[in-house]
Amino acid sequence: MRKLKDVDMWLQENKVTNLKIAAKCLNGIHVGEEYLEGEWRVAAEPEYRYEVEERNHEIRSEYWGGYSRHNEIYQKQYDLEGNLLGEKLVVKNSAIMMYSPFLEDKA
């Protein structure tokens, strides 16, 4: 393995290890002249399906004159018949907005 400029050797060694692991999963994939060619299939049929849902989205006018944005992202799990099996909160987002969220009235 040759030394690349500004790249630690341990990063290259880790990449080789990761590629060896991935190659076992990518049986039948090869590099063509311009693209990867072949197909990657899952061995088992899916048992569930997932949806991602945004909830409680709001924009707040803050005391200091700016705005903040807030929302929650949930993951919902369904069986293949469409029955809800469960849901979980993935993340709560809160951010200061660097612009006014309202369109100007040009009338």
Protein backbone atom coordinates (compact mmCIF):
# COMPACT_ATOMS: atom_id res chain seq x y z
CA MET A 1 0.00 0.00 0.00
CA ARG A 2 1.45 3.33 -0.98
CA LYS A 3 1.50 6.36 1.29
CA LEU A 4 -1.04 9.01 0.26
CA LYS A 5 -0.38 12.67 0.88
CA ASP A 6 -1.99 13.93 4.12
CA VAL A 7 -3.66 10.56 4.87
CA ASP A 8 -2.72 8.50 7.93
CA MET A 9 -1.81 4.91 7.11
CA TRP A 10 -4.21 3.56 9.72
CA LEU A 11 -7.09 5.12 7.77
CA GLN A 12 -6.00 3.26 4.64
CA GLU A 13 -5.67 0.02 6.59
CA ASN A 14 -9.19 0.48 8.02
CA LYS A 15 -10.51 1.10 4.51
CA VAL A 16 -9.01 -2.18 3.31
CA THR A 17 -10.62 -4.02 6.22
CA ASN A 18 -14.01 -2.40 5.55
CA LEU A 19 -13.82 -3.21 1.84
CA LYS A 20 -13.04 -6.85 2.58
CA ILE A 21 -16.11 -7.05 4.84
CA ALA A 22 -18.30 -5.28 2.29
CA ALA A 23 -17.06 -7.45 -0.58
CA LYS A 24 -18.63 -10.50 1.07
CA CYS A 25 -22.03 -8.74 0.96
CA LEU A 26 -21.58 -7.46 -2.60
CA ASN A 27 -21.07 -10.78 -4.35
CA GLY A 28 -21.71 -10.23 -8.06
CA ILE A 29 -20.91 -6.51 -8.04
CA HIS A 30 -18.03 -5.34 -10.20
CA VAL A 31 -16.63 -2.07 -11.44
CA GLY A 32 -17.36 -1.36 -15.10
CA GLU A 33 -15.72 1.34 -17.18
CA GLU A 34 -17.82 4.09 -15.60
CA TYR A 35 -20.18 2.56 -13.00
CA LEU A 36 -20.64 -0.25 -10.53
CA GLU A 37 -22.46 -3.06 -12.31
CA GLY A 38 -24.49 -5.95 -10.95
CA GLU A 39 -27.17 -6.22 -8.31
CA TRP A 40 -27.35 -6.33 -4.54
CA ARG A 41 -30.20 -8.34 -3.10
CA VAL A 42 -31.51 -8.96 0.38
CA ALA A 43 -31.53 -12.64 1.28
CA ALA A 44 -34.70 -12.48 3.43
CA GLU A 45 -38.12 -11.03 2.75
CA PRO A 46 -38.92 -7.86 4.73
CA GLU A 47 -40.99 -8.36 7.88
CA TYR A 48 -41.70 -4.71 8.58
CA ARG A 49 -41.95 -1.36 6.90
CA TYR A 50 -41.11 2.00 8.37
CA GLU A 51 -42.39 5.53 7.96
CA VAL A 52 -40.86 8.76 9.14
CA GLU A 53 -43.23 11.43 10.38
CA GLU A 54 -42.68 15.04 11.38
CA ARG A 55 -44.79 16.36 14.26
CA ASN A 56 -45.20 19.53 16.27
CA HIS A 57 -43.55 21.80 13.70
CA GLU A 58 -43.60 25.41 14.78
CA ILE A 59 -41.87 28.69 14.14
CA ARG A 60 -41.62 31.03 17.11
CA SER A 61 -41.05 34.75 17.23
CA GLU A 62 -38.39 35.20 19.91
CA TYR A 63 -38.06 38.05 22.42
CA TRP A 64 -34.80 39.22 20.84
CA GLY A 65 -36.49 39.87 17.48
CA GLY A 66 -35.45 36.74 15.58
CA TYR A 67 -37.16 33.43 14.96
CA SER A 68 -36.65 29.83 16.01
CA ARG A 69 -37.89 26.60 14.43
CA HIS A 70 -38.86 23.43 16.29
CA ASN A 71 -40.10 19.96 15.31
CA GLU A 72 -40.00 16.29 16.28
CA ILE A 73 -39.23 13.32 14.00
CA TYR A 74 -40.88 9.97 14.73
CA GLN A 75 -40.31 6.53 13.22
CA LYS A 76 -43.41 4.36 12.87
CA GLN A 77 -43.12 0.60 12.36
CA TYR A 78 -45.83 -1.39 10.54
CA ASP A 79 -46.22 -5.07 9.74
CA LEU A 80 -46.74 -6.04 6.11
CA GLU A 81 -50.53 -5.89 6.54
CA GLY A 82 -50.32 -2.23 7.56
CA ASN A 83 -50.92 -2.64 11.30
CA LEU A 84 -49.01 -0.16 13.47
CA LEU A 85 -46.56 -2.09 15.66
CA GLY A 86 -44.97 0.85 17.41
CA GLU A 87 -43.43 4.25 17.10
CA LYS A 88 -40.50 6.04 18.64
CA LEU A 89 -39.22 9.56 18.88
CA VAL A 90 -36.04 9.77 16.82
CA VAL A 91 -35.04 13.40 17.39
CA LYS A 92 -36.26 16.77 18.61
CA ASN A 93 -34.96 19.65 16.52
CA SER A 94 -34.62 23.25 17.66
CA ALA A 95 -32.78 25.86 15.64
CA ILE A 96 -32.30 29.60 15.46
CA MET A 97 -33.36 30.82 12.04
CA MET A 98 -30.93 33.11 10.24
CA TYR A 99 -33.68 34.63 8.07
CA SER A 100 -37.28 35.78 8.36
CA PRO A 101 -39.56 32.83 7.65
CA PHE A 102 -42.31 35.04 6.20
CA LEU A 103 -42.74 36.06 2.58
CA GLU A 104 -42.86 39.77 1.87
CA ASP A 105 -46.16 41.25 0.68
CA LYS A 106 -45.39 42.77 -2.73
CA ALA A 107 -48.89 44.27 -3.17
